[in-house]
N, C-alpha and C. Protein backbone atom coordinates (compact mmCIF):
# COMPACT_ATOMS: atom_id res chain seq x y z
N MET A 1 0.69 -1.23 0.03
CA MET A 1 0.11 -0.13 0.09
C MET A 1 0.86 1.21 0.16
N SER A 2 0.72 2.15 -0.77
CA SER A 2 1.20 3.31 -0.90
C SER A 2 1.32 4.28 0.28
N SER A 3 2.29 5.01 0.64
CA SER A 3 2.20 5.96 1.65
C SER A 3 1.08 7.07 1.68
N SER A 4 0.91 7.48 0.33
CA SER A 4 -0.21 8.45 0.07
C SER A 4 -1.39 7.85 0.26
N ARG A 5 -1.70 6.67 0.30
CA ARG A 5 -2.99 6.17 0.44
C ARG A 5 -3.24 5.27 1.85
N ARG A 6 -2.93 5.88 3.00
CA ARG A 6 -3.17 4.98 4.11
C ARG A 6 -4.42 4.63 4.52
N PRO A 7 -4.45 3.60 5.34
CA PRO A 7 -5.77 3.27 5.66
C PRO A 7 -6.34 4.11 6.62
N LEU A 8 -7.89 4.26 6.58
CA LEU A 8 -8.60 5.35 7.42
C LEU A 8 -8.25 4.95 9.00
N ALA A 9 -8.03 3.59 9.31
CA ALA A 9 -7.91 3.47 10.70
C ALA A 9 -6.42 3.88 11.03
N LEU A 10 -5.54 4.11 10.27
CA LEU A 10 -4.33 4.66 10.52
C LEU A 10 -4.17 6.39 10.39
N SER A 11 -5.15 6.94 9.66
CA SER A 11 -4.95 8.32 9.42
C SER A 11 -6.26 9.06 9.94
N PHE A 12 -6.87 8.54 10.31
CA PHE A 12 -8.35 9.21 11.11
C PHE A 12 -7.98 10.23 12.22
N PRO A 13 -8.18 11.40 12.24
CA PRO A 13 -7.73 12.23 13.34
C PRO A 13 -8.49 11.78 14.92
N LEU A 14 -7.72 11.61 15.69
CA LEU A 14 -8.07 11.36 17.14
C LEU A 14 -8.27 12.22 18.19
N HIS A 15 -8.69 13.45 17.65
CA HIS A 15 -9.04 14.64 18.34
C HIS A 15 -10.18 15.16 17.73
N GLY A 16 -11.00 15.82 18.62
CA GLY A 16 -12.19 16.67 17.92
C GLY A 16 -13.47 15.72 17.97
N SER A 17 -14.45 16.12 17.32
CA SER A 17 -15.72 15.25 17.26
C SER A 17 -15.50 14.56 15.81
N ARG A 18 -15.77 13.37 15.94
CA ARG A 18 -15.52 12.56 14.57
C ARG A 18 -16.85 11.59 14.60
N LEU A 19 -17.11 11.15 13.35
CA LEU A 19 -18.35 10.01 13.14
C LEU A 19 -17.85 9.29 12.13
N ILE A 20 -17.99 7.86 12.40
CA ILE A 20 -17.92 6.65 11.44
C ILE A 20 -19.11 5.99 11.54
N GLU A 21 -19.79 5.93 10.24
CA GLU A 21 -21.13 5.11 10.15
C GLU A 21 -20.66 4.31 8.96
N ALA A 22 -21.19 3.12 9.57
CA ALA A 22 -21.22 1.85 8.39
C ALA A 22 -21.91 0.70 8.67
N SER A 23 -22.28 0.04 7.68
CA SER A 23 -23.27 -1.06 7.74
C SER A 23 -22.94 -2.18 8.39
N ALA A 24 -23.38 -3.34 8.63
CA ALA A 24 -22.89 -4.49 8.99
C ALA A 24 -21.97 -5.11 8.25
N GLY A 25 -20.93 -5.79 8.83
CA GLY A 25 -19.64 -6.47 7.95
C GLY A 25 -18.84 -5.60 7.24
N THR A 26 -18.70 -4.38 7.57
CA THR A 26 -17.82 -3.51 6.83
C THR A 26 -16.56 -3.19 7.51
N GLY A 27 -16.21 -3.89 8.85
CA GLY A 27 -15.01 -3.78 9.24
C GLY A 27 -15.05 -2.50 10.56
N LYS A 28 -16.16 -2.43 11.01
CA LYS A 28 -16.29 -1.31 12.12
C LYS A 28 -15.35 -1.58 13.67
N THR A 29 -15.32 -3.23 13.77
CA THR A 29 -14.77 -3.72 15.11
C THR A 29 -13.22 -3.56 14.56
N PHE A 30 -12.81 -3.72 13.36
CA PHE A 30 -11.51 -3.86 13.07
C PHE A 30 -10.92 -2.54 13.21
N THR A 31 -11.80 -1.49 12.62
CA THR A 31 -11.37 -0.29 12.52
C THR A 31 -11.26 0.41 14.00
N ILE A 32 -12.42 0.14 14.86
CA ILE A 32 -12.19 0.68 16.44
C ILE A 32 -11.28 0.06 17.13
N SER A 33 -10.92 -1.15 16.93
CA SER A 33 -9.74 -1.83 17.44
C SER A 33 -8.38 -1.28 17.00
N ALA A 34 -8.38 -0.94 16.06
CA ALA A 34 -7.10 -0.16 15.49
C ALA A 34 -7.02 1.39 15.98
N LEU A 35 -8.01 2.08 15.90
CA LEU A 35 -8.17 3.33 16.75
C LEU A 35 -7.74 3.24 17.99
N TYR A 36 -8.28 2.23 18.76
CA TYR A 36 -8.03 2.13 20.19
C TYR A 36 -6.37 1.76 20.32
N LEU A 37 -5.78 1.10 19.62
CA LEU A 37 -4.30 0.80 19.54
C LEU A 37 -3.67 2.11 19.27
N ARG A 38 -4.03 3.09 18.47
CA ARG A 38 -3.46 4.28 18.03
C ARG A 38 -3.63 5.23 19.49
N LEU A 39 -4.75 5.29 20.13
CA LEU A 39 -4.94 6.04 21.29
C LEU A 39 -3.88 5.55 22.53
N ILE A 40 -3.77 4.38 22.58
CA ILE A 40 -2.87 3.61 23.65
C ILE A 40 -1.45 4.13 23.17
N LEU A 41 -0.91 4.12 21.98
CA LEU A 41 0.31 4.44 21.52
C LEU A 41 0.66 5.83 21.44
N GLY A 42 -0.36 6.72 21.43
CA GLY A 42 -0.24 8.12 21.14
C GLY A 42 0.09 8.53 19.60
N HIS A 43 -0.29 7.68 18.66
CA HIS A 43 0.00 7.28 17.38
C HIS A 43 -0.90 8.52 16.62
N GLY A 44 -0.09 9.22 15.52
CA GLY A 44 -0.61 9.89 14.56
C GLY A 44 -0.20 11.36 14.40
N GLY A 45 0.99 11.75 15.10
CA GLY A 45 1.44 13.13 14.78
C GLY A 45 0.49 14.12 14.91
N ALA A 46 0.03 15.13 13.78
CA ALA A 46 -1.07 15.80 14.02
C ALA A 46 -2.42 15.76 14.19
N ALA A 47 -2.43 14.25 13.78
CA ALA A 47 -3.99 13.66 13.76
C ALA A 47 -4.14 12.91 15.39
N ALA A 48 -2.82 12.81 16.07
CA ALA A 48 -2.97 12.16 17.56
C ALA A 48 -3.70 12.76 18.58
N PHE A 49 -4.10 12.01 19.45
CA PHE A 49 -4.66 12.71 20.72
C PHE A 49 -3.63 13.37 21.33
N ARG A 50 -4.10 14.46 22.58
CA ARG A 50 -3.12 15.11 23.05
C ARG A 50 -2.03 14.29 23.87
N GLU A 51 -2.30 12.86 24.29
CA GLU A 51 -1.23 12.25 25.12
C GLU A 51 -1.73 10.69 24.88
N PRO A 52 -1.00 9.89 25.05
CA PRO A 52 -1.08 8.36 24.90
C PRO A 52 -2.19 8.19 26.15
N LEU A 53 -3.33 7.27 25.97
CA LEU A 53 -4.18 6.88 27.01
C LEU A 53 -3.92 5.37 27.42
N LEU A 54 -4.77 5.14 28.42
CA LEU A 54 -5.15 3.84 29.06
C LEU A 54 -6.59 3.41 28.94
N PRO A 55 -6.76 1.95 28.80
CA PRO A 55 -8.14 1.78 28.65
C PRO A 55 -9.30 2.35 29.77
N PRO A 56 -9.10 2.70 30.72
CA PRO A 56 -10.14 3.57 31.59
C PRO A 56 -10.21 4.70 31.02
N GLN A 57 -9.27 5.28 30.37
CA GLN A 57 -9.51 6.89 29.72
C GLN A 57 -10.24 6.65 28.26
N ILE A 58 -10.64 5.70 27.90
CA ILE A 58 -11.09 5.57 26.51
C ILE A 58 -12.53 4.97 26.54
N LEU A 59 -13.44 5.75 25.86
CA LEU A 59 -14.81 5.26 26.12
C LEU A 59 -15.29 4.65 24.66
N VAL A 60 -15.77 3.32 24.82
CA VAL A 60 -16.24 2.93 23.68
C VAL A 60 -17.89 2.42 23.73
N VAL A 61 -18.84 2.83 23.05
CA VAL A 61 -19.99 2.64 23.32
C VAL A 61 -20.55 1.70 21.81
N THR A 62 -21.55 0.77 22.11
CA THR A 62 -22.02 0.35 20.90
C THR A 62 -23.48 0.28 21.39
N PHE A 63 -24.30 -0.93 20.63
CA PHE A 63 -25.59 -1.02 20.73
C PHE A 63 -26.19 -2.15 21.65
N THR A 64 -25.35 -3.27 21.65
CA THR A 64 -26.06 -4.49 22.26
C THR A 64 -25.13 -5.05 23.32
N ASP A 65 -25.57 -5.83 24.37
CA ASP A 65 -24.50 -6.43 25.21
C ASP A 65 -23.64 -7.30 24.48
N ALA A 66 -24.24 -8.02 23.55
CA ALA A 66 -23.26 -9.08 22.71
C ALA A 66 -22.34 -8.29 22.26
N ALA A 67 -22.47 -7.35 21.43
CA ALA A 67 -21.57 -6.52 20.78
C ALA A 67 -20.57 -5.73 21.71
N THR A 68 -20.64 -5.54 22.77
CA THR A 68 -19.90 -5.10 23.97
C THR A 68 -18.98 -6.00 24.28
N ARG A 69 -19.52 -7.24 24.46
CA ARG A 69 -18.43 -8.48 24.88
C ARG A 69 -17.59 -8.52 23.69
N GLU A 70 -18.30 -8.70 22.53
CA GLU A 70 -17.42 -9.10 21.37
C GLU A 70 -16.17 -7.90 21.09
N LEU A 71 -16.72 -6.67 21.24
CA LEU A 71 -15.46 -5.49 20.84
C LEU A 71 -14.69 -5.64 22.01
N ARG A 72 -14.96 -5.89 23.44
CA ARG A 72 -13.85 -5.85 24.45
C ARG A 72 -13.01 -6.89 24.18
N ASP A 73 -13.56 -8.25 23.64
CA ASP A 73 -12.59 -9.33 23.61
C ASP A 73 -11.66 -8.97 22.26
N ARG A 74 -12.28 -8.54 21.31
CA ARG A 74 -11.42 -8.07 19.91
C ARG A 74 -10.47 -7.18 20.31
N ILE A 75 -10.85 -6.01 20.93
CA ILE A 75 -9.68 -5.09 21.55
C ILE A 75 -8.66 -5.72 22.15
N ARG A 76 -8.95 -6.40 23.27
CA ARG A 76 -7.79 -7.02 23.98
C ARG A 76 -7.15 -7.92 23.17
N ALA A 77 -7.60 -8.90 22.23
CA ALA A 77 -6.75 -9.43 21.30
C ALA A 77 -6.00 -8.80 20.33
N ARG A 78 -6.47 -7.94 19.87
CA ARG A 78 -5.79 -6.96 18.94
C ARG A 78 -4.51 -6.07 19.66
N LEU A 79 -4.68 -5.88 21.03
CA LEU A 79 -3.86 -5.31 21.98
C LEU A 79 -2.60 -6.37 22.11
N VAL A 80 -2.78 -7.64 22.44
CA VAL A 80 -1.83 -8.72 22.58
C VAL A 80 -1.26 -8.84 21.38
N GLN A 81 -1.77 -8.75 20.08
CA GLN A 81 -1.33 -9.20 18.82
C GLN A 81 -0.43 -7.95 18.40
N ALA A 82 -0.63 -6.97 18.86
CA ALA A 82 0.09 -5.64 18.30
C ALA A 82 1.56 -5.75 19.35
N ALA A 83 1.11 -6.05 20.62
CA ALA A 83 2.44 -6.20 21.46
C ALA A 83 3.41 -7.08 21.25
N ALA A 84 2.82 -8.24 20.61
CA ALA A 84 3.67 -9.46 20.24
C ALA A 84 4.37 -8.92 19.03
N LEU A 85 3.89 -8.09 18.04
CA LEU A 85 4.72 -7.78 16.78
C LEU A 85 5.79 -6.55 17.21
N PHE A 86 5.25 -5.89 18.19
CA PHE A 86 6.18 -4.79 18.51
C PHE A 86 7.36 -5.25 19.26
N ARG A 87 7.34 -6.55 19.90
CA ARG A 87 8.35 -7.49 20.50
C ARG A 87 9.18 -7.97 19.48
N GLY A 88 8.55 -8.19 18.30
CA GLY A 88 9.24 -9.21 17.27
C GLY A 88 8.86 -10.49 17.35
N ASP A 89 8.00 -11.04 18.02
CA ASP A 89 7.74 -12.31 18.13
C ASP A 89 6.28 -12.66 17.56
N GLY A 90 5.72 -11.79 16.72
CA GLY A 90 4.30 -12.13 16.38
C GLY A 90 4.09 -12.20 14.90
N GLU A 91 3.16 -12.63 14.43
CA GLU A 91 2.64 -12.30 12.99
C GLU A 91 1.51 -11.38 13.13
N ALA A 92 1.24 -10.72 12.07
CA ALA A 92 0.13 -9.56 12.03
C ALA A 92 -0.35 -9.39 10.56
N ASP A 93 -1.20 -8.68 10.59
CA ASP A 93 -1.68 -8.17 9.09
C ASP A 93 -0.93 -6.73 8.81
N ALA A 94 -1.20 -6.43 7.45
CA ALA A 94 -0.54 -5.42 6.94
C ALA A 94 -0.80 -4.03 7.80
N LEU A 95 -1.98 -3.90 8.33
CA LEU A 95 -2.22 -2.66 9.13
C LEU A 95 -1.32 -2.52 10.29
N LEU A 96 -0.96 -3.61 11.08
CA LEU A 96 -0.20 -3.63 12.18
C LEU A 96 1.31 -3.44 11.81
N HIS A 97 1.74 -3.91 10.69
CA HIS A 97 3.04 -3.67 10.20
C HIS A 97 2.99 -2.18 10.02
N GLU A 98 2.12 -1.91 9.28
CA GLU A 98 2.41 -0.09 8.86
C GLU A 98 2.30 0.53 10.17
N LEU A 99 1.40 0.25 11.16
CA LEU A 99 1.41 0.90 12.55
C LEU A 99 2.77 0.92 13.20
N ARG A 100 3.21 -0.37 13.02
CA ARG A 100 4.65 -0.35 13.80
C ARG A 100 5.85 0.44 13.17
N ALA A 101 5.74 0.32 11.50
CA ALA A 101 6.61 1.02 11.03
C ALA A 101 6.52 2.69 11.11
N ASP A 102 5.38 3.19 11.85
CA ASP A 102 5.17 4.59 12.14
C ASP A 102 6.18 5.14 13.47
N PHE A 103 6.68 4.00 13.92
CA PHE A 103 7.51 4.21 14.96
C PHE A 103 8.90 3.73 14.90
N PRO A 104 9.99 4.68 15.42
CA PRO A 104 11.42 4.15 15.25
C PRO A 104 11.63 2.76 16.12
N ALA A 105 12.46 2.00 15.51
CA ALA A 105 12.64 0.61 16.11
C ALA A 105 13.10 0.69 17.42
N ALA A 106 13.76 1.73 17.96
CA ALA A 106 14.20 1.97 19.24
C ALA A 106 12.94 2.13 20.21
N GLN A 107 11.93 2.56 19.50
CA GLN A 107 10.64 2.71 20.67
C GLN A 107 9.78 1.45 20.54
N TRP A 108 10.14 0.51 19.80
CA TRP A 108 9.15 -0.71 19.82
C TRP A 108 9.07 -1.34 21.24
N PRO A 109 10.06 -1.57 21.80
CA PRO A 109 10.10 -2.25 23.23
C PRO A 109 8.93 -1.42 24.36
N ASP A 110 9.25 -0.04 24.01
CA ASP A 110 8.13 0.68 24.96
C ASP A 110 6.78 0.64 24.46
N CYS A 111 6.67 0.39 23.01
CA CYS A 111 5.32 0.43 22.62
C CYS A 111 4.74 -0.95 22.97
N ALA A 112 5.74 -2.14 22.94
CA ALA A 112 5.06 -3.47 23.37
C ALA A 112 4.72 -3.53 24.87
N ARG A 113 5.48 -2.91 25.84
CA ARG A 113 5.12 -2.67 27.34
C ARG A 113 3.80 -2.00 27.13
N ARG A 114 3.59 -0.92 26.61
CA ARG A 114 2.51 -0.14 26.74
C ARG A 114 1.25 -0.90 26.29
N LEU A 115 1.36 -1.76 25.11
CA LEU A 115 0.00 -2.44 24.66
C LEU A 115 -0.25 -3.63 25.53
N GLU A 116 0.94 -4.30 26.18
CA GLU A 116 0.66 -5.35 27.16
C GLU A 116 -0.10 -4.96 28.30
N LEU A 117 0.24 -3.62 28.90
CA LEU A 117 -0.20 -2.96 29.96
C LEU A 117 -1.82 -2.69 29.75
N ALA A 118 -2.09 -2.25 28.51
CA ALA A 118 -3.31 -1.88 28.15
C ALA A 118 -4.21 -3.36 27.89
N ALA A 119 -3.70 -4.19 27.38
CA ALA A 119 -4.59 -5.31 27.48
C ALA A 119 -4.88 -6.05 28.77
N GLN A 120 -3.82 -5.92 29.82
CA GLN A 120 -4.08 -6.22 31.16
C GLN A 120 -5.31 -5.38 31.91
N TRP A 121 -5.40 -4.05 31.32
CA TRP A 121 -6.39 -3.21 32.00
C TRP A 121 -7.65 -3.37 31.16
N MET A 122 -7.83 -4.22 30.27
CA MET A 122 -9.03 -4.48 29.60
C MET A 122 -10.39 -4.45 30.46
N ASP A 123 -10.10 -5.25 31.51
CA ASP A 123 -11.30 -5.14 32.43
C ASP A 123 -11.93 -4.05 33.12
N GLU A 124 -10.81 -3.16 33.08
CA GLU A 124 -11.08 -1.75 33.69
C GLU A 124 -11.81 -0.99 32.41
N ALA A 125 -11.57 -1.35 31.21
CA ALA A 125 -12.17 -0.30 29.93
C ALA A 125 -13.53 -0.02 30.04
N ALA A 126 -13.72 1.12 29.58
CA ALA A 126 -14.98 1.53 29.33
C ALA A 126 -15.64 1.20 27.96
N VAL A 127 -16.05 -0.11 28.15
CA VAL A 127 -16.92 -0.53 26.85
C VAL A 127 -18.21 -1.03 27.24
N SER A 128 -19.17 -0.26 26.67
CA SER A 128 -20.48 -0.66 27.29
C SER A 128 -21.59 -0.09 26.20
N THR A 129 -22.91 -0.62 26.45
CA THR A 129 -24.11 -0.41 25.55
C THR A 129 -24.30 1.21 25.80
N ILE A 130 -24.91 1.50 24.96
CA ILE A 130 -25.28 3.31 25.14
C ILE A 130 -26.37 3.31 26.25
N HIS A 131 -27.10 2.30 26.33
CA HIS A 131 -28.18 2.33 27.57
C HIS A 131 -27.19 2.23 28.81
N GLY A 132 -26.38 1.21 28.81
CA GLY A 132 -25.62 1.02 30.00
C GLY A 132 -24.73 2.22 30.38
N TRP A 133 -24.02 2.90 29.39
CA TRP A 133 -23.46 4.08 29.84
C TRP A 133 -24.18 5.17 30.10
N CYS A 134 -25.34 5.36 29.78
CA CYS A 134 -26.21 6.33 30.14
C CYS A 134 -26.68 6.24 31.67
N GLN A 135 -27.20 4.91 32.01
CA GLN A 135 -27.54 4.47 33.27
C GLN A 135 -26.39 4.97 34.28
N ARG A 136 -25.32 4.44 33.76
CA ARG A 136 -24.10 4.68 34.77
C ARG A 136 -23.84 6.23 35.05
N MET A 137 -23.90 7.07 33.95
CA MET A 137 -23.77 8.29 33.97
C MET A 137 -24.94 8.98 34.76
N LEU A 138 -26.25 8.64 34.83
CA LEU A 138 -27.23 9.14 35.71
C LEU A 138 -26.95 8.65 37.01
N ARG A 139 -26.40 7.31 37.28
CA ARG A 139 -26.25 6.85 38.55
C ARG A 139 -25.09 7.60 39.31
N GLU A 140 -23.82 7.82 38.43
CA GLU A 140 -22.83 8.48 39.16
C GLU A 140 -23.06 10.14 39.09
N HIS A 141 -23.99 10.65 38.54
CA HIS A 141 -24.17 12.12 38.72
C HIS A 141 -25.83 12.39 39.15
N ALA A 142 -26.08 11.57 39.84
CA ALA A 142 -27.63 11.52 40.39
C ALA A 142 -28.01 12.98 40.81
N PHE A 143 -27.12 13.54 41.61
CA PHE A 143 -27.48 14.80 42.20
C PHE A 143 -27.44 15.82 41.10
N ASP A 144 -26.50 16.06 40.46
CA ASP A 144 -26.60 16.85 39.22
C ASP A 144 -27.62 16.65 38.26
N SER A 145 -28.05 15.62 37.82
CA SER A 145 -29.07 15.30 37.05
C SER A 145 -30.50 15.10 37.49
N GLY A 146 -30.63 15.14 38.85
CA GLY A 146 -31.87 15.25 39.56
C GLY A 146 -32.56 13.74 39.37
N SER A 147 -31.81 12.72 39.24
CA SER A 147 -32.47 11.61 38.92
C SER A 147 -32.11 10.72 40.31
N LEU A 148 -32.62 9.53 40.39
CA LEU A 148 -32.54 8.59 41.39
C LEU A 148 -31.51 7.95 41.29
N PHE A 149 -31.05 7.57 42.65
CA PHE A 149 -29.87 6.62 42.52
C PHE A 149 -29.89 5.27 41.81
N SER A 150 -31.37 5.01 42.17
CA SER A 150 -31.68 3.27 41.60
C SER A 150 -32.73 3.52 40.72
N GLN A 151 -32.43 3.37 39.46
CA GLN A 151 -33.34 3.18 38.44
C GLN A 151 -33.46 1.96 37.81
N THR A 152 -34.69 1.70 37.13
CA THR A 152 -34.94 0.56 36.43
C THR A 152 -34.72 0.69 34.96
N LEU A 153 -33.91 -0.20 34.35
CA LEU A 153 -33.70 -0.01 32.91
C LEU A 153 -34.45 -0.85 32.20
N GLU A 154 -35.39 -0.44 31.29
CA GLU A 154 -36.34 -1.10 30.48
C GLU A 154 -35.49 -1.50 29.24
N THR A 155 -35.04 -2.75 28.98
CA THR A 155 -34.31 -3.05 27.79
C THR A 155 -35.31 -3.79 26.58
N ASP A 156 -36.50 -3.71 26.71
CA ASP A 156 -37.53 -4.45 25.89
C ASP A 156 -37.56 -3.37 24.80
N HIS A 157 -37.07 -3.61 23.42
CA HIS A 157 -36.84 -2.55 22.41
C HIS A 157 -38.30 -2.72 21.74
N SER A 158 -39.13 -3.77 22.05
CA SER A 158 -40.43 -3.40 21.23
C SER A 158 -41.25 -2.34 21.86
């Protein structure tokens, strides 16, 4: 792949407000996990977030509980895979190789450690459903929102 045509997952700005909208089966989970890696590594130059982050600092929101579990598992697996590649003991796809190539080889051990740490922190990651996140915010900010501390969430979509 030529350097003038970088994948969206490696060139997407990680600051400001952005929207990615895509149909089922178009690689949303793949792209989200790549964006997650970039946030962990502080990747992107001018497109980067102001500082590298750890999982508790990144919010990922999706629609269903099943999608939440899958997304959390896929992000963790991608972190482990990328850490292995940065250590030099793993196989990976072209996107991860291109991501690694954006860092000087002298930084690869530090990148690997950061990715390994992030994988270990995934149980603390903020990956939730939209309704779950809203409920958590209402509970944590009950006084500010004027809501009850304990609320019943109706998940019947009919």
